[in-house]
Amino acid sequence: MSCELTEETLFILNLLYKRRCVNIDKGYHSELLCKLYGNKFSAREYLSCKEAIKILLNEGYITKIRKKKDKYYLSDMNKAIQTLVCHGYITLDGL
């Protein structure tokens, strides 16, 4: 399950976790998310930002807020924390 996530998807998951994007009022703009993603993963060998977001959407980690410009938030905080801890990320809520 969580061990199948790539470095790119974990970066996005960690970014949403750090910004506490956990409900519909705290969504993160897709353009800013992809800009930060592009700064970190500029080489062609990585997944595109939209592909990484699609994986997280399909796995149930994040949810899309449909607005003029799409926004995303963590739909399952416990699952996100467990996955981040499993992959060596430090979370304040810890497990």
Protein backbone atom coordinates (compact mmCIF):
# COMPACT_ATOMS: atom_id res chain seq x y z
CA MET A 1 0.00 0.00 0.00
CA SER A 2 2.07 2.95 1.27
CA CYS A 3 5.40 1.44 0.28
CA GLU A 4 4.44 1.72 -3.39
CA LEU A 5 4.48 5.53 -3.34
CA THR A 6 7.31 7.22 -5.19
CA GLU A 7 9.59 10.00 -4.00
CA GLU A 8 7.55 12.47 -6.02
CA THR A 9 4.22 11.50 -4.47
CA LEU A 10 5.75 11.55 -0.99
CA PHE A 11 7.04 15.08 -1.63
CA ILE A 12 3.50 16.29 -2.42
CA LEU A 13 2.03 14.38 0.54
CA ASN A 14 4.63 15.88 2.89
CA LEU A 15 4.04 19.38 1.52
CA LEU A 16 0.29 19.12 2.13
CA TYR A 17 0.95 17.71 5.60
CA LYS A 18 3.35 20.53 6.54
CA ARG A 19 0.85 23.16 5.38
CA ARG A 20 -1.94 21.41 7.34
CA CYS A 21 -4.19 21.18 4.31
CA VAL A 22 -6.69 18.91 6.03
CA ASN A 23 -10.09 20.28 5.07
CA ILE A 24 -11.93 22.02 2.29
CA ASP A 25 -11.07 25.44 3.74
CA LYS A 26 -7.31 24.75 3.75
CA GLY A 27 -6.75 23.48 0.21
CA TYR A 28 -3.45 24.06 -1.58
CA HIS A 29 -3.52 25.62 -5.05
CA SER A 30 -2.49 23.25 -7.81
CA GLU A 31 -0.38 25.87 -9.60
CA LEU A 32 1.73 26.60 -6.53
CA LEU A 33 1.99 22.90 -5.78
CA CYS A 34 3.26 22.18 -9.29
CA LYS A 35 5.68 25.11 -9.13
CA LEU A 36 7.26 23.79 -5.92
CA TYR A 37 7.26 20.30 -7.42
CA GLY A 38 9.04 21.58 -10.55
CA ASN A 39 11.72 23.26 -8.44
CA LYS A 40 12.52 19.96 -6.72
CA PHE A 41 12.04 17.52 -9.63
CA SER A 42 13.19 19.32 -12.76
CA ALA A 43 14.67 16.30 -14.56
CA ARG A 44 12.62 14.40 -17.14
CA GLU A 45 13.09 11.05 -15.35
CA TYR A 46 10.57 11.95 -12.66
CA LEU A 47 6.79 11.75 -12.80
CA SER A 48 5.00 14.91 -13.83
CA CYS A 49 3.22 16.83 -11.11
CA LYS A 50 -0.19 15.88 -12.50
CA GLU A 51 0.74 12.17 -12.59
CA ALA A 52 1.90 12.28 -8.96
CA ILE A 53 -1.29 14.06 -7.90
CA LYS A 54 -3.38 11.50 -9.79
CA ILE A 55 -1.67 8.65 -7.90
CA LEU A 56 -2.43 10.32 -4.55
CA LEU A 57 -6.05 10.92 -5.61
CA ASN A 58 -6.47 7.27 -6.66
CA GLU A 59 -4.93 5.99 -3.42
CA GLY A 60 -7.29 8.16 -1.34
CA TYR A 61 -4.65 10.35 0.28
CA ILE A 62 -5.88 13.65 -1.13
CA THR A 63 -9.11 15.17 -2.42
CA LYS A 64 -9.63 17.77 -5.12
CA ILE A 65 -11.56 20.97 -4.53
CA ARG A 66 -13.05 22.06 -7.84
CA LYS A 67 -12.71 25.79 -8.18
CA LYS A 68 -11.53 28.13 -10.90
CA LYS A 69 -8.08 26.71 -10.19
CA ASP A 70 -8.05 23.29 -8.55
CA LYS A 71 -6.96 22.94 -4.93
CA TYR A 72 -6.04 19.80 -2.96
CA TYR A 73 -6.20 18.78 0.68
CA LEU A 74 -5.42 15.67 2.74
CA SER A 75 -8.51 13.53 2.97
CA ASP A 76 -7.06 11.02 5.47
CA MET A 77 -4.59 12.58 7.92
CA ASN A 78 -3.89 9.33 9.81
CA LYS A 79 -3.08 7.45 6.60
CA ALA A 80 -0.82 10.30 5.45
CA ILE A 81 1.06 10.41 8.77
CA GLN A 82 1.50 6.64 8.81
CA THR A 83 2.85 6.67 5.25
CA LEU A 84 5.23 9.57 5.88
CA VAL A 85 6.60 7.96 9.06
CA CYS A 86 7.00 4.64 7.22
CA HIS A 87 9.18 6.41 4.64
CA GLY A 88 11.34 8.24 7.17
CA TYR A 89 9.68 11.65 7.23
CA ILE A 90 9.36 13.41 10.57
CA THR A 91 5.82 14.33 11.59
CA LEU A 92 4.79 16.36 14.59
CA ASP A 93 1.89 14.05 15.35
CA GLY A 94 4.17 11.01 15.15
CA LEU A 95 3.12 7.42 15.70
